[in-house]
Amino acid sequence: MAKYVDGFLIPIPTRNIAAYKKLAKKASKVWLDHGALAYFETTGDDLAVKGVVSFAKVAKAKRNETVILSWIVYKSKAHRNAVNKKVMEDPRIANFDPEIMPFDSKKMTYGGFKVLVEGI
């Protein structure tokens, strides 16, 4: 069965990485508790690669920002929808105040992806 992935690209003030990590650890537990197969949060490290468009440019990151690349893996799109419904009803997430996010959620890029090739 082909898997499904939710992907996120987020520019975040570098000074907020620790706060984001705390939030991401909590989110990871919630998604995995509700059935997500895998959950990843990564921070940009080698983004100035010559000859290609950088993630920082795509994310419109400022000098004082770094880029978070995140993805959550599901069995299928239907599974993703079922897991996300449970996640949004979970009090650990449902009562979260968007005003205390360590990044500007309007700058976040998000999308759902069908897995084309899996090499695990």
N, C-alpha and C. Protein backbone atom coordinates (compact mmCIF):
# COMPACT_ATOMS: atom_id res chain seq x y z
N MET A 1 0.85 -1.18 0.00
CA MET A 1 0.00 0.00 0.00
C MET A 1 0.89 1.25 0.00
N ALA A 2 0.59 2.19 -0.87
CA ALA A 2 1.35 3.44 -0.95
C ALA A 2 1.08 4.29 0.28
N LYS A 3 2.13 4.87 0.83
CA LYS A 3 1.99 5.74 2.00
C LYS A 3 1.65 7.16 1.56
N TYR A 4 1.33 7.99 2.54
CA TYR A 4 0.99 9.39 2.31
C TYR A 4 1.78 10.23 3.30
N VAL A 5 2.22 11.41 2.87
CA VAL A 5 3.05 12.27 3.71
C VAL A 5 2.50 13.68 3.74
N ASP A 6 2.42 14.25 4.93
CA ASP A 6 2.18 15.69 5.07
C ASP A 6 3.54 16.35 5.20
N GLY A 7 3.79 17.39 4.42
CA GLY A 7 5.08 18.08 4.47
C GLY A 7 4.92 19.55 4.84
N PHE A 8 5.90 20.06 5.56
CA PHE A 8 5.88 21.44 6.04
C PHE A 8 7.25 22.08 5.81
N LEU A 9 7.25 23.33 5.40
CA LEU A 9 8.47 24.12 5.28
C LEU A 9 8.19 25.41 6.03
N ILE A 10 9.00 25.68 7.08
CA ILE A 10 8.69 26.79 7.98
C ILE A 10 9.94 27.63 8.24
N PRO A 11 9.92 28.91 7.88
CA PRO A 11 11.01 29.78 8.31
C PRO A 11 10.73 30.18 9.77
N ILE A 12 11.74 30.10 10.60
CA ILE A 12 11.56 30.38 12.03
C ILE A 12 12.73 31.20 12.55
N PRO A 13 12.45 32.20 13.39
CA PRO A 13 13.57 32.94 13.98
C PRO A 13 14.51 31.96 14.70
N THR A 14 15.78 32.06 14.40
CA THR A 14 16.76 31.14 14.97
C THR A 14 16.70 31.13 16.49
N ARG A 15 16.42 32.26 17.09
CA ARG A 15 16.35 32.35 18.55
C ARG A 15 15.19 31.52 19.12
N ASN A 16 14.24 31.11 18.28
CA ASN A 16 13.07 30.36 18.74
C ASN A 16 13.18 28.85 18.53
N ILE A 17 14.35 28.37 18.12
CA ILE A 17 14.50 26.94 17.83
C ILE A 17 14.21 26.09 19.08
N ALA A 18 14.70 26.49 20.24
CA ALA A 18 14.47 25.69 21.46
C ALA A 18 12.98 25.62 21.79
N ALA A 19 12.27 26.73 21.64
CA ALA A 19 10.82 26.73 21.90
C ALA A 19 10.10 25.86 20.89
N TYR A 20 10.54 25.92 19.62
CA TYR A 20 9.94 25.09 18.59
C TYR A 20 10.18 23.61 18.88
N LYS A 21 11.38 23.27 19.30
CA LYS A 21 11.71 21.88 19.61
C LYS A 21 10.79 21.34 20.71
N LYS A 22 10.55 22.13 21.72
CA LYS A 22 9.66 21.73 22.81
C LYS A 22 8.25 21.45 22.28
N LEU A 23 7.76 22.35 21.44
CA LEU A 23 6.44 22.19 20.82
C LEU A 23 6.42 20.96 19.90
N ALA A 24 7.47 20.76 19.13
CA ALA A 24 7.54 19.65 18.18
C ALA A 24 7.57 18.30 18.90
N LYS A 25 8.27 18.22 20.03
CA LYS A 25 8.29 16.98 20.80
C LYS A 25 6.89 16.61 21.26
N LYS A 26 6.15 17.60 21.70
CA LYS A 26 4.76 17.38 22.14
C LYS A 26 3.91 16.94 20.95
N ALA A 27 4.03 17.64 19.84
CA ALA A 27 3.26 17.31 18.64
C ALA A 27 3.58 15.90 18.15
N SER A 28 4.86 15.55 18.17
CA SER A 28 5.27 14.22 17.74
C SER A 28 4.55 13.15 18.54
N LYS A 29 4.53 13.31 19.83
CA LYS A 29 3.85 12.33 20.71
C LYS A 29 2.38 12.24 20.35
N VAL A 30 1.72 13.37 20.14
CA VAL A 30 0.29 13.38 19.82
C VAL A 30 0.03 12.65 18.51
N TRP A 31 0.77 13.00 17.46
CA TRP A 31 0.55 12.36 16.15
C TRP A 31 0.82 10.86 16.21
N LEU A 32 1.91 10.47 16.85
CA LEU A 32 2.24 9.05 16.93
C LEU A 32 1.23 8.30 17.80
N ASP A 33 0.75 8.92 18.88
CA ASP A 33 -0.28 8.30 19.72
C ASP A 33 -1.56 8.03 18.94
N HIS A 34 -1.83 8.85 17.92
CA HIS A 34 -3.06 8.69 17.15
C HIS A 34 -2.85 7.91 15.84
N GLY A 35 -1.67 7.34 15.66
CA GLY A 35 -1.50 6.41 14.55
C GLY A 35 -0.57 6.80 13.43
N ALA A 36 0.00 8.01 13.46
CA ALA A 36 0.97 8.36 12.41
C ALA A 36 2.11 7.33 12.45
N LEU A 37 2.64 6.98 11.29
CA LEU A 37 3.70 5.98 11.20
C LEU A 37 5.07 6.55 11.58
N ALA A 38 5.30 7.82 11.26
CA ALA A 38 6.58 8.46 11.55
C ALA A 38 6.37 9.97 11.59
N TYR A 39 7.24 10.65 12.32
CA TYR A 39 7.14 12.10 12.50
C TYR A 39 8.56 12.65 12.54
N PHE A 40 8.86 13.63 11.69
CA PHE A 40 10.20 14.21 11.62
C PHE A 40 10.14 15.73 11.66
N GLU A 41 11.07 16.32 12.39
CA GLU A 41 11.28 17.77 12.41
C GLU A 41 12.77 17.97 12.22
N THR A 42 13.17 18.74 11.21
CA THR A 42 14.58 18.97 10.95
C THR A 42 14.84 20.47 10.82
N THR A 43 16.06 20.88 11.14
CA THR A 43 16.44 22.28 10.98
C THR A 43 17.47 22.40 9.87
N GLY A 44 17.36 23.48 9.12
CA GLY A 44 18.29 23.71 8.02
C GLY A 44 19.73 23.76 8.51
N ASP A 45 20.61 23.14 7.75
CA ASP A 45 22.02 23.11 8.12
C ASP A 45 22.90 23.47 6.93
N ASP A 46 22.68 22.84 5.80
CA ASP A 46 23.51 23.05 4.61
C ASP A 46 22.58 23.54 3.50
N LEU A 47 22.19 24.80 3.57
CA LEU A 47 21.15 25.31 2.67
C LEU A 47 21.66 26.16 1.52
N ALA A 48 22.94 26.49 1.51
CA ALA A 48 23.50 27.33 0.46
C ALA A 48 24.23 26.46 -0.56
N VAL A 49 23.49 25.58 -1.20
CA VAL A 49 24.09 24.67 -2.17
C VAL A 49 24.10 25.36 -3.54
N LYS A 50 25.28 25.43 -4.13
CA LYS A 50 25.45 26.11 -5.41
C LYS A 50 24.69 25.38 -6.53
N GLY A 51 24.03 26.15 -7.37
CA GLY A 51 23.40 25.59 -8.55
C GLY A 51 21.95 25.15 -8.37
N VAL A 52 21.43 25.26 -7.15
CA VAL A 52 20.02 24.91 -6.92
C VAL A 52 19.36 26.01 -6.10
N VAL A 53 18.04 26.07 -6.16
CA VAL A 53 17.30 27.04 -5.35
C VAL A 53 17.32 26.56 -3.91
N SER A 54 17.70 27.42 -3.00
CA SER A 54 17.82 27.01 -1.60
C SER A 54 16.46 26.96 -0.91
N PHE A 55 16.37 26.09 0.08
CA PHE A 55 15.16 26.02 0.90
C PHE A 55 14.91 27.37 1.58
N ALA A 56 15.97 28.06 1.98
CA ALA A 56 15.82 29.36 2.63
C ALA A 56 15.14 30.36 1.69
N LYS A 57 15.51 30.32 0.42
CA LYS A 57 14.89 31.22 -0.56
C LYS A 57 13.42 30.85 -0.77
N VAL A 58 13.15 29.57 -0.94
CA VAL A 58 11.77 29.12 -1.14
C VAL A 58 10.90 29.50 0.06
N ALA A 59 11.46 29.34 1.27
CA ALA A 59 10.71 29.66 2.49
C ALA A 59 10.69 31.16 2.78
N LYS A 60 11.42 31.94 1.99
CA LYS A 60 11.54 33.38 2.20
C LYS A 60 12.07 33.70 3.60
N ALA A 61 13.05 32.90 4.02
CA ALA A 61 13.66 33.08 5.34
C ALA A 61 14.51 34.34 5.35
N LYS A 62 14.43 35.08 6.43
CA LYS A 62 15.26 36.27 6.63
C LYS A 62 16.60 35.84 7.22
N ARG A 63 17.52 36.79 7.33
CA ARG A 63 18.87 36.49 7.84
C ARG A 63 18.85 35.88 9.23
N ASN A 64 17.93 36.31 10.07
CA ASN A 64 17.87 35.82 11.45
C ASN A 64 16.96 34.60 11.60
N GLU A 65 16.62 33.96 10.47
CA GLU A 65 15.74 32.79 10.50
C GLU A 65 16.46 31.57 9.94
N THR A 66 16.01 30.43 10.36
CA THR A 66 16.43 29.18 9.75
C THR A 66 15.18 28.49 9.23
N VAL A 67 15.37 27.40 8.55
CA VAL A 67 14.24 26.70 7.93
C VAL A 67 14.03 25.36 8.63
N ILE A 68 12.78 25.11 8.95
CA ILE A 68 12.36 23.82 9.48
C ILE A 68 11.73 23.04 8.32
N LEU A 69 12.17 21.82 8.13
CA LEU A 69 11.55 20.92 7.16
C LEU A 69 10.98 19.76 7.98
N SER A 70 9.67 19.57 7.88
CA SER A 70 9.00 18.56 8.70
C SER A 70 8.13 17.69 7.82
N TRP A 71 7.94 16.44 8.26
CA TRP A 71 7.01 15.57 7.55
C TRP A 71 6.47 14.52 8.50
N ILE A 72 5.24 14.13 8.21
CA ILE A 72 4.55 13.10 8.98
C ILE A 72 4.10 12.04 7.98
N VAL A 73 4.34 10.77 8.31
CA VAL A 73 4.04 9.67 7.40
C VAL A 73 2.81 8.91 7.89
N TYR A 74 1.94 8.57 6.92
CA TYR A 74 0.70 7.85 7.19
C TYR A 74 0.59 6.66 6.25
N LYS A 75 -0.34 5.75 6.53
CA LYS A 75 -0.59 4.59 5.67
C LYS A 75 -1.18 5.01 4.33
N SER A 76 -2.03 6.04 4.35
CA SER A 76 -2.75 6.50 3.15
C SER A 76 -3.32 7.88 3.45
N LYS A 77 -3.90 8.50 2.42
CA LYS A 77 -4.54 9.80 2.62
C LYS A 77 -5.73 9.67 3.57
N ALA A 78 -6.50 8.59 3.44
CA ALA A 78 -7.64 8.37 4.34
C ALA A 78 -7.15 8.20 5.78
N HIS A 79 -6.04 7.48 5.95
CA HIS A 79 -5.45 7.32 7.28
C HIS A 79 -5.00 8.67 7.82
N ARG A 80 -4.37 9.48 6.97
CA ARG A 80 -3.96 10.84 7.38
C ARG A 80 -5.16 11.63 7.87
N ASN A 81 -6.26 11.59 7.10
CA ASN A 81 -7.45 12.35 7.50
C ASN A 81 -7.99 11.87 8.84
N ALA A 82 -8.01 10.56 9.06
CA ALA A 82 -8.51 10.00 10.32
C ALA A 82 -7.59 10.38 11.49
N VAL A 83 -6.28 10.26 11.29
CA VAL A 83 -5.32 10.62 12.33
C VAL A 83 -5.44 12.11 12.66
N ASN A 84 -5.46 12.97 11.64
CA ASN A 84 -5.53 14.40 11.89
C ASN A 84 -6.82 14.82 12.59
N LYS A 85 -7.91 14.14 12.29
CA LYS A 85 -9.18 14.43 12.99
C LYS A 85 -9.02 14.16 14.48
N LYS A 86 -8.40 13.02 14.82
CA LYS A 86 -8.17 12.68 16.23
C LYS A 86 -7.20 13.67 16.88
N VAL A 87 -6.16 14.04 16.14
CA VAL A 87 -5.18 14.98 16.66
C VAL A 87 -5.84 16.31 17.00
N MET A 88 -6.67 16.81 16.10
CA MET A 88 -7.31 18.11 16.32
C MET A 88 -8.31 18.08 17.48
N GLU A 89 -8.79 16.90 17.83
CA GLU A 89 -9.69 16.76 18.98
C GLU A 89 -8.93 16.48 20.27
N ASP A 90 -7.64 16.18 20.19
CA ASP A 90 -6.84 15.86 21.36
C ASP A 90 -6.60 17.14 22.17
N PRO A 91 -6.90 17.13 23.47
CA PRO A 91 -6.73 18.34 24.29
C PRO A 91 -5.29 18.85 24.33
N ARG A 92 -4.32 17.98 24.06
CA ARG A 92 -2.92 18.45 24.04
C ARG A 92 -2.68 19.39 22.87
N ILE A 93 -3.51 19.31 21.84
CA ILE A 93 -3.39 20.18 20.66
C ILE A 93 -4.57 21.14 20.55
N ALA A 94 -5.78 20.65 20.81
CA ALA A 94 -7.00 21.43 20.61
C ALA A 94 -7.00 22.75 21.38
N ASN A 95 -6.39 22.76 22.54
CA ASN A 95 -6.39 23.98 23.36
C ASN A 95 -5.13 24.82 23.17
N PHE A 96 -4.40 24.54 22.11
CA PHE A 96 -3.16 25.27 21.87
C PHE A 96 -3.46 26.67 21.35
N ASP A 97 -2.81 27.65 21.91
CA ASP A 97 -2.99 29.05 21.53
C ASP A 97 -2.05 29.40 20.37
N PRO A 98 -2.60 29.66 19.17
CA PRO A 98 -1.72 29.98 18.03
C PRO A 98 -0.90 31.26 18.22
N GLU A 99 -1.30 32.09 19.16
CA GLU A 99 -0.56 33.33 19.42
C GLU A 99 0.82 33.06 20.04
N ILE A 100 1.02 31.87 20.60
CA ILE A 100 2.31 31.60 21.24
C ILE A 100 3.22 30.74 20.36
N MET A 101 2.86 30.60 19.09
CA MET A 101 3.70 29.84 18.16
C MET A 101 5.07 30.53 18.05
N PRO A 102 6.15 29.75 17.99
CA PRO A 102 7.48 30.35 17.87
C PRO A 102 7.85 30.75 16.43
N PHE A 103 6.84 30.81 15.55
CA PHE A 103 7.06 31.22 14.16
C PHE A 103 5.76 31.84 13.64
N ASP A 104 5.86 32.51 12.51
CA ASP A 104 4.70 33.13 11.87
C ASP A 104 4.00 32.07 11.01
N SER A 105 2.86 31.58 11.47
CA SER A 105 2.18 30.49 10.76
C SER A 105 1.73 30.89 9.35
N LYS A 106 1.65 32.18 9.07
CA LYS A 106 1.28 32.63 7.72
C LYS A 106 2.41 32.38 6.71
N LYS A 107 3.64 32.16 7.23
CA LYS A 107 4.78 31.92 6.35
C LYS A 107 5.05 30.42 6.15
N MET A 108 4.27 29.58 6.81
CA MET A 108 4.45 28.13 6.71
C MET A 108 3.90 27.64 5.37
N THR A 109 4.64 26.73 4.74
CA THR A 109 4.18 26.07 3.53
C THR A 109 3.80 24.64 3.92
N TYR A 110 2.66 24.17 3.42
CA TYR A 110 2.16 22.85 3.79
C TYR A 110 1.54 22.17 2.58
N GLY A 111 1.65 20.86 2.54
CA GLY A 111 0.96 20.10 1.50
C GLY A 111 0.97 18.62 1.81
N GLY A 112 0.02 17.91 1.21
CA GLY A 112 -0.06 16.46 1.31
C GLY A 112 0.55 15.84 0.06
N PHE A 113 1.28 14.74 0.23
CA PHE A 113 2.02 14.13 -0.87
C PHE A 113 1.78 12.63 -0.94
N LYS A 114 1.56 12.12 -2.15
CA LYS A 114 1.53 10.68 -2.39
C LYS A 114 2.98 10.21 -2.50
N VAL A 115 3.31 9.12 -1.86
CA VAL A 115 4.67 8.60 -1.94
C VAL A 115 4.89 7.98 -3.32
N LEU A 116 5.90 8.43 -4.00
CA LEU A 116 6.22 7.94 -5.34
C LEU A 116 7.18 6.75 -5.28
N VAL A 117 8.20 6.87 -4.43
CA VAL A 117 9.18 5.81 -4.25
C VAL A 117 9.51 5.75 -2.77
N GLU A 118 9.59 4.54 -2.24
CA GLU A 118 9.99 4.37 -0.85
C GLU A 118 11.21 3.46 -0.81
N GLY A 119 12.28 3.92 -0.19
CA GLY A 119 13.51 3.16 -0.18
C GLY A 119 13.91 2.68 1.20
N ILE A 120 12.96 2.40 2.02
CA ILE A 120 13.28 1.92 3.38
C ILE A 120 13.45 0.43 3.38
